[in-house]
Amino acid sequence: MPVSHPPVSTSTLEAFSEAWNRHDLDGLMGFMSEDCVFMTAGGPDACGARHVGPEAVRKAFALAWATLPDAQWRNGVHFVQGDFGVSQWTYTGTAADGSRVETDGVDIFTFKNGKIAVKNAFRKARPNLPPAA
C-alpha cells in the first residue's frame, strides 16, 4: 500500500519562511525532498544557478546568510494549489559595506510526497540602498 504524505499547505510555506528568518538550516532541509533542487535568483545560467540534491542545496541555502548575515524574508504571502505553490516576500539585509538590500521576490515551488522538491527563486534587480544613518 502506498505511503500517504500530508499535502503541503500555506501553513507549510509559512513555517518554511520562518525557518529562513531564523537562519535555521536544519529546519529548512527538513522541508526538502531527498531529490530536491534549488534554483537561485542569480547566477551564470538562465535559471540562476541550479543546485541538485540535499548536500548541494544545503550549501546554497547557507550562502544566503554568508552574503547578508542579517537577511530576512518579510511580508510573506503564500499560495498552494496541488503540487505547486508560490511565496511572495520582501528580501532585506545589510551587505558587508553597510549598504542595504530591500527587494521584492517570489519562490515558485514544486511539491512531491509532502515535501518541497523544487524551489525556484526570483527577485527584482535593484541597486543596494545607502547605509542606514
N, C-alpha and C. Protein backbone atom coordinates (compact mmCIF):
# COMPACT_ATOMS: atom_id res chain seq x y z
N MET A 1 0.84 -1.18 0.00
CA MET A 1 0.00 0.00 0.00
C MET A 1 0.89 1.25 0.00
N PRO A 2 0.61 2.23 -0.86
CA PRO A 2 1.44 3.43 -0.91
C PRO A 2 1.37 4.23 0.39
N VAL A 3 2.48 4.88 0.73
CA VAL A 3 2.53 5.73 1.92
C VAL A 3 1.85 7.05 1.59
N SER A 4 0.98 7.50 2.47
CA SER A 4 0.28 8.77 2.27
C SER A 4 1.03 9.87 3.03
N HIS A 5 1.32 10.95 2.35
CA HIS A 5 2.00 12.09 2.95
C HIS A 5 1.02 13.25 3.04
N PRO A 6 1.03 13.99 4.14
CA PRO A 6 0.14 15.15 4.20
C PRO A 6 0.52 16.15 3.11
N PRO A 7 -0.47 16.77 2.49
CA PRO A 7 -0.15 17.73 1.43
C PRO A 7 0.52 18.99 2.00
N VAL A 8 1.30 19.63 1.16
CA VAL A 8 1.89 20.92 1.52
C VAL A 8 0.76 21.94 1.52
N SER A 9 0.78 22.82 2.52
CA SER A 9 -0.25 23.84 2.65
C SER A 9 0.41 25.21 2.80
N THR A 10 -0.41 26.26 2.85
CA THR A 10 0.16 27.59 3.09
C THR A 10 0.84 27.63 4.46
N SER A 11 0.34 26.85 5.43
CA SER A 11 0.99 26.78 6.74
C SER A 11 2.40 26.21 6.63
N THR A 12 2.57 25.23 5.73
CA THR A 12 3.90 24.67 5.50
C THR A 12 4.84 25.74 4.98
N LEU A 13 4.38 26.52 4.00
CA LEU A 13 5.24 27.56 3.43
C LEU A 13 5.50 28.67 4.43
N GLU A 14 4.55 28.97 5.31
CA GLU A 14 4.79 29.95 6.37
C GLU A 14 5.89 29.44 7.31
N ALA A 15 5.83 28.17 7.67
CA ALA A 15 6.85 27.59 8.55
C ALA A 15 8.22 27.56 7.85
N PHE A 16 8.24 27.28 6.56
CA PHE A 16 9.48 27.29 5.78
C PHE A 16 10.08 28.70 5.80
N SER A 17 9.25 29.71 5.60
CA SER A 17 9.70 31.10 5.62
C SER A 17 10.23 31.48 7.01
N GLU A 18 9.56 31.03 8.05
CA GLU A 18 10.03 31.31 9.40
C GLU A 18 11.40 30.69 9.66
N ALA A 19 11.64 29.50 9.11
CA ALA A 19 12.95 28.86 9.25
C ALA A 19 14.03 29.69 8.55
N TRP A 20 13.70 30.26 7.38
CA TRP A 20 14.66 31.15 6.71
C TRP A 20 15.00 32.33 7.62
N ASN A 21 13.98 32.93 8.22
CA ASN A 21 14.22 34.11 9.04
C ASN A 21 14.95 33.80 10.34
N ARG A 22 14.88 32.56 10.81
CA ARG A 22 15.66 32.13 11.98
C ARG A 22 17.07 31.69 11.59
N HIS A 23 17.32 31.59 10.29
CA HIS A 23 18.60 31.10 9.76
C HIS A 23 18.81 29.66 10.24
N ASP A 24 17.77 28.88 10.17
CA ASP A 24 17.73 27.50 10.67
C ASP A 24 17.93 26.52 9.51
N LEU A 25 19.17 26.22 9.21
CA LEU A 25 19.50 25.37 8.07
C LEU A 25 18.93 23.96 8.22
N ASP A 26 19.04 23.37 9.39
CA ASP A 26 18.48 22.03 9.60
C ASP A 26 16.96 22.05 9.43
N GLY A 27 16.33 23.09 9.97
CA GLY A 27 14.88 23.23 9.81
C GLY A 27 14.48 23.33 8.35
N LEU A 28 15.20 24.13 7.59
CA LEU A 28 14.91 24.27 6.16
C LEU A 28 15.02 22.94 5.43
N MET A 29 16.09 22.22 5.70
CA MET A 29 16.31 20.97 4.99
C MET A 29 15.25 19.92 5.34
N GLY A 30 14.62 20.06 6.49
CA GLY A 30 13.53 19.17 6.87
C GLY A 30 12.31 19.31 5.97
N PHE A 31 12.19 20.43 5.28
CA PHE A 31 11.08 20.66 4.35
C PHE A 31 11.38 20.13 2.95
N MET A 32 12.66 19.83 2.67
CA MET A 32 13.08 19.49 1.31
C MET A 32 13.03 17.99 1.07
N SER A 33 12.70 17.60 -0.17
CA SER A 33 12.68 16.19 -0.55
C SER A 33 14.11 15.68 -0.74
N GLU A 34 14.25 14.36 -0.77
CA GLU A 34 15.57 13.74 -0.96
C GLU A 34 16.19 14.07 -2.32
N ASP A 35 15.36 14.37 -3.29
CA ASP A 35 15.86 14.69 -4.64
C ASP A 35 15.65 16.17 -4.95
N CYS A 36 15.79 17.03 -3.93
CA CYS A 36 15.48 18.44 -4.05
C CYS A 36 16.39 19.18 -5.04
N VAL A 37 15.82 20.27 -5.56
CA VAL A 37 16.52 21.16 -6.48
C VAL A 37 16.25 22.60 -6.03
N PHE A 38 17.30 23.41 -6.00
CA PHE A 38 17.18 24.84 -5.70
C PHE A 38 17.79 25.62 -6.85
N MET A 39 17.00 26.51 -7.44
CA MET A 39 17.49 27.40 -8.49
C MET A 39 17.50 28.81 -7.92
N THR A 40 18.68 29.41 -7.87
CA THR A 40 18.88 30.71 -7.23
C THR A 40 18.37 31.84 -8.11
N ALA A 41 18.21 33.01 -7.48
CA ALA A 41 17.75 34.19 -8.21
C ALA A 41 18.83 34.72 -9.16
N GLY A 42 20.08 34.50 -8.84
CA GLY A 42 21.16 34.98 -9.69
C GLY A 42 22.17 33.88 -9.95
N GLY A 43 22.94 34.05 -10.98
CA GLY A 43 23.97 33.07 -11.29
C GLY A 43 24.28 33.06 -12.77
N PRO A 44 25.16 32.18 -13.19
CA PRO A 44 25.66 32.18 -14.56
C PRO A 44 24.71 31.57 -15.59
N ASP A 45 23.68 30.88 -15.15
CA ASP A 45 22.80 30.19 -16.07
C ASP A 45 21.46 30.91 -16.21
N ALA A 46 20.68 30.53 -17.20
CA ALA A 46 19.36 31.13 -17.39
C ALA A 46 18.50 30.93 -16.14
N CYS A 47 18.72 29.84 -15.41
CA CYS A 47 17.95 29.55 -14.18
C CYS A 47 18.59 30.17 -12.95
N GLY A 48 19.64 30.95 -13.09
CA GLY A 48 20.42 31.47 -11.97
C GLY A 48 21.59 30.53 -11.76
N ALA A 49 21.49 29.69 -10.76
CA ALA A 49 22.41 28.57 -10.55
C ALA A 49 21.55 27.42 -10.04
N ARG A 50 21.80 26.23 -10.53
CA ARG A 50 21.00 25.05 -10.18
C ARG A 50 21.78 24.17 -9.22
N HIS A 51 21.19 23.90 -8.06
CA HIS A 51 21.79 23.06 -7.03
C HIS A 51 20.90 21.84 -6.85
N VAL A 52 21.47 20.65 -7.02
CA VAL A 52 20.70 19.41 -7.02
C VAL A 52 21.15 18.51 -5.88
N GLY A 53 20.18 18.02 -5.11
CA GLY A 53 20.44 17.11 -4.00
C GLY A 53 20.61 17.84 -2.69
N PRO A 54 20.34 17.16 -1.58
CA PRO A 54 20.37 17.80 -0.26
C PRO A 54 21.69 18.48 0.09
N GLU A 55 22.82 17.86 -0.22
CA GLU A 55 24.11 18.46 0.15
C GLU A 55 24.34 19.77 -0.60
N ALA A 56 24.08 19.79 -1.90
CA ALA A 56 24.28 20.99 -2.71
C ALA A 56 23.27 22.08 -2.32
N VAL A 57 22.03 21.69 -2.07
CA VAL A 57 21.00 22.67 -1.68
C VAL A 57 21.35 23.27 -0.33
N ARG A 58 21.77 22.45 0.60
CA ARG A 58 22.14 22.93 1.93
C ARG A 58 23.26 23.98 1.83
N LYS A 59 24.29 23.72 1.04
CA LYS A 59 25.39 24.67 0.86
C LYS A 59 24.89 25.96 0.23
N ALA A 60 24.02 25.85 -0.77
CA ALA A 60 23.50 27.05 -1.43
C ALA A 60 22.63 27.87 -0.48
N PHE A 61 21.80 27.20 0.32
CA PHE A 61 20.98 27.92 1.30
C PHE A 61 21.87 28.69 2.27
N ALA A 62 22.94 28.07 2.75
CA ALA A 62 23.83 28.70 3.72
C ALA A 62 24.49 29.96 3.16
N LEU A 63 24.71 30.00 1.85
CA LEU A 63 25.33 31.18 1.23
C LEU A 63 24.48 32.43 1.38
N ALA A 64 23.16 32.27 1.51
CA ALA A 64 22.28 33.44 1.67
C ALA A 64 22.68 34.25 2.89
N TRP A 65 23.04 33.56 3.98
CA TRP A 65 23.41 34.27 5.21
C TRP A 65 24.88 34.67 5.20
N ALA A 66 25.71 34.01 4.42
CA ALA A 66 27.12 34.40 4.31
C ALA A 66 27.22 35.77 3.64
N THR A 67 26.35 36.01 2.66
CA THR A 67 26.35 37.27 1.92
C THR A 67 25.71 38.39 2.73
N LEU A 68 24.58 38.10 3.35
CA LEU A 68 23.85 39.08 4.17
C LEU A 68 23.52 38.42 5.51
N PRO A 69 24.40 38.57 6.51
CA PRO A 69 24.21 37.85 7.78
C PRO A 69 22.90 38.16 8.49
N ASP A 70 22.28 39.31 8.21
CA ASP A 70 21.01 39.65 8.84
C ASP A 70 19.83 39.49 7.87
N ALA A 71 19.99 38.69 6.84
CA ALA A 71 18.96 38.51 5.81
C ALA A 71 17.62 38.09 6.42
N GLN A 72 16.56 38.68 5.90
CA GLN A 72 15.19 38.35 6.29
C GLN A 72 14.30 38.37 5.06
N TRP A 73 13.27 37.54 5.11
CA TRP A 73 12.25 37.49 4.07
C TRP A 73 10.95 37.91 4.74
N ARG A 74 10.55 39.14 4.51
CA ARG A 74 9.43 39.75 5.23
C ARG A 74 8.18 39.83 4.34
N ASN A 75 7.06 40.13 4.99
CA ASN A 75 5.79 40.36 4.30
C ASN A 75 5.36 39.16 3.47
N GLY A 76 5.59 37.96 3.96
CA GLY A 76 5.28 36.75 3.21
C GLY A 76 3.80 36.56 2.94
N VAL A 77 3.51 36.19 1.71
CA VAL A 77 2.18 35.78 1.28
C VAL A 77 2.37 34.48 0.53
N HIS A 78 1.59 33.46 0.87
CA HIS A 78 1.83 32.12 0.36
C HIS A 78 0.57 31.56 -0.31
N PHE A 79 0.78 30.83 -1.41
CA PHE A 79 -0.31 30.20 -2.16
C PHE A 79 0.09 28.76 -2.45
N VAL A 80 -0.87 27.85 -2.34
CA VAL A 80 -0.64 26.45 -2.69
C VAL A 80 -1.83 25.96 -3.51
N GLN A 81 -1.52 25.28 -4.60
CA GLN A 81 -2.54 24.63 -5.43
C GLN A 81 -1.99 23.27 -5.83
N GLY A 82 -2.46 22.24 -5.18
CA GLY A 82 -1.98 20.90 -5.50
C GLY A 82 -0.50 20.75 -5.23
N ASP A 83 0.25 20.36 -6.26
CA ASP A 83 1.70 20.14 -6.14
C ASP A 83 2.53 21.37 -6.50
N PHE A 84 1.90 22.54 -6.51
CA PHE A 84 2.61 23.78 -6.85
C PHE A 84 2.29 24.85 -5.82
N GLY A 85 3.22 25.76 -5.61
CA GLY A 85 3.00 26.85 -4.68
C GLY A 85 3.88 28.04 -5.00
N VAL A 86 3.52 29.17 -4.39
CA VAL A 86 4.26 30.42 -4.57
C VAL A 86 4.32 31.12 -3.23
N SER A 87 5.48 31.67 -2.93
CA SER A 87 5.64 32.57 -1.78
C SER A 87 6.13 33.90 -2.30
N GLN A 88 5.45 34.97 -1.91
CA GLN A 88 5.89 36.34 -2.21
C GLN A 88 6.53 36.88 -0.94
N TRP A 89 7.57 37.72 -1.09
CA TRP A 89 8.27 38.25 0.06
C TRP A 89 9.05 39.50 -0.32
N THR A 90 9.52 40.19 0.70
CA THR A 90 10.48 41.29 0.54
C THR A 90 11.76 40.86 1.24
N TYR A 91 12.83 40.79 0.48
CA TYR A 91 14.15 40.36 0.96
C TYR A 91 14.88 41.58 1.47
N THR A 92 15.37 41.51 2.72
CA THR A 92 16.11 42.63 3.31
C THR A 92 17.39 42.12 3.96
N GLY A 93 18.35 43.03 4.09
CA GLY A 93 19.59 42.68 4.77
C GLY A 93 20.62 43.77 4.57
N THR A 94 21.75 43.59 5.24
CA THR A 94 22.84 44.56 5.19
C THR A 94 24.08 43.89 4.63
N ALA A 95 24.64 44.48 3.58
CA ALA A 95 25.85 43.96 2.94
C ALA A 95 27.08 44.35 3.77
N ALA A 96 28.22 43.74 3.47
CA ALA A 96 29.47 43.98 4.21
C ALA A 96 29.87 45.45 4.19
N ASP A 97 29.55 46.16 3.11
CA ASP A 97 29.91 47.58 3.02
C ASP A 97 28.92 48.50 3.71
N GLY A 98 27.91 47.93 4.36
CA GLY A 98 26.92 48.72 5.08
C GLY A 98 25.70 49.07 4.25
N SER A 99 25.79 48.88 2.93
CA SER A 99 24.62 49.17 2.10
C SER A 99 23.51 48.18 2.42
N ARG A 100 22.29 48.58 2.12
CA ARG A 100 21.13 47.78 2.48
C ARG A 100 20.42 47.22 1.25
N VAL A 101 19.95 46.00 1.38
CA VAL A 101 19.16 45.35 0.35
C VAL A 101 17.70 45.38 0.78
N GLU A 102 16.84 45.77 -0.12
CA GLU A 102 15.39 45.69 0.08
C GLU A 102 14.77 45.50 -1.29
N THR A 103 14.30 44.30 -1.56
CA THR A 103 13.77 44.00 -2.88
C THR A 103 12.70 42.91 -2.78
N ASP A 104 11.71 43.01 -3.65
CA ASP A 104 10.62 42.02 -3.66
C ASP A 104 11.00 40.81 -4.49
N GLY A 105 10.40 39.68 -4.16
CA GLY A 105 10.66 38.47 -4.91
C GLY A 105 9.61 37.41 -4.67
N VAL A 106 9.78 36.31 -5.36
CA VAL A 106 8.89 35.15 -5.20
C VAL A 106 9.72 33.88 -5.28
N ASP A 107 9.22 32.86 -4.63
CA ASP A 107 9.70 31.50 -4.81
C ASP A 107 8.56 30.73 -5.46
N ILE A 108 8.89 29.97 -6.48
CA ILE A 108 7.92 29.08 -7.11
C ILE A 108 8.33 27.67 -6.72
N PHE A 109 7.40 26.92 -6.16
CA PHE A 109 7.68 25.60 -5.62
C PHE A 109 6.98 24.49 -6.40
N THR A 110 7.62 23.34 -6.44
CA THR A 110 7.00 22.09 -6.85
C THR A 110 7.11 21.15 -5.65
N PHE A 111 6.01 20.49 -5.30
CA PHE A 111 5.98 19.60 -4.14
C PHE A 111 5.89 18.15 -4.59
N LYS A 112 6.44 17.29 -3.74
CA LYS A 112 6.42 15.85 -4.01
C LYS A 112 6.37 15.12 -2.67
N ASN A 113 5.36 14.28 -2.49
CA ASN A 113 5.23 13.49 -1.26
C ASN A 113 5.27 14.35 0.00
N GLY A 114 4.61 15.50 -0.04
CA GLY A 114 4.53 16.36 1.13
C GLY A 114 5.77 17.17 1.43
N LYS A 115 6.71 17.21 0.51
CA LYS A 115 7.97 17.96 0.70
C LYS A 115 8.18 18.92 -0.48
N ILE A 116 9.12 19.83 -0.32
CA ILE A 116 9.50 20.74 -1.41
C ILE A 116 10.52 20.01 -2.28
N ALA A 117 10.16 19.78 -3.53
CA ALA A 117 11.07 19.13 -4.48
C ALA A 117 11.88 20.16 -5.25
N VAL A 118 11.25 21.29 -5.59
CA VAL A 118 11.92 22.35 -6.34
C VAL A 118 11.57 23.70 -5.71
N LYS A 119 12.62 24.49 -5.44
CA LYS A 119 12.48 25.88 -5.00
C LYS A 119 13.17 26.73 -6.06
N ASN A 120 12.40 27.52 -6.78
CA ASN A 120 12.92 28.34 -7.86
C ASN A 120 12.71 29.80 -7.44
N ALA A 121 13.80 30.52 -7.15
CA ALA A 121 13.74 31.88 -6.60
C ALA A 121 13.88 32.93 -7.69
N PHE A 122 13.08 33.98 -7.55
CA PHE A 122 13.13 35.14 -8.44
C PHE A 122 13.03 36.39 -7.58
N ARG A 123 13.84 37.41 -7.86
CA ARG A 123 13.69 38.68 -7.16
C ARG A 123 14.03 39.83 -8.09
N LYS A 124 13.46 40.97 -7.77
CA LYS A 124 13.68 42.18 -8.55
C LYS A 124 15.14 42.61 -8.43
N ALA A 125 15.68 43.09 -9.53
CA ALA A 125 17.04 43.63 -9.53
C ALA A 125 16.94 45.10 -9.13
N ARG A 126 17.57 45.43 -8.03
CA ARG A 126 17.51 46.80 -7.51
C ARG A 126 18.86 47.13 -6.89
N PRO A 127 19.39 48.31 -7.14
CA PRO A 127 20.66 48.69 -6.50
C PRO A 127 20.49 48.71 -4.99
N ASN A 128 21.57 48.41 -4.27
CA ASN A 128 21.54 48.48 -2.82
C ASN A 128 21.29 49.94 -2.39
N LEU A 129 20.66 50.07 -1.25
CA LEU A 129 20.36 51.39 -0.67
C LEU A 129 21.55 51.83 0.18
N PRO A 130 21.70 53.12 0.42
CA PRO A 130 22.82 53.59 1.24
C PRO A 130 22.74 53.02 2.67
N PRO A 131 23.87 52.98 3.36
CA PRO A 131 23.85 52.51 4.76
C PRO A 131 22.86 53.33 5.58
N ALA A 132 22.29 52.67 6.59
CA ALA A 132 21.37 53.35 7.49
C ALA A 132 22.14 54.41 8.29
N ALA A 133 21.49 55.49 8.57
CA ALA A 133 22.15 56.59 9.31
C ALA A 133 22.20 56.30 10.78
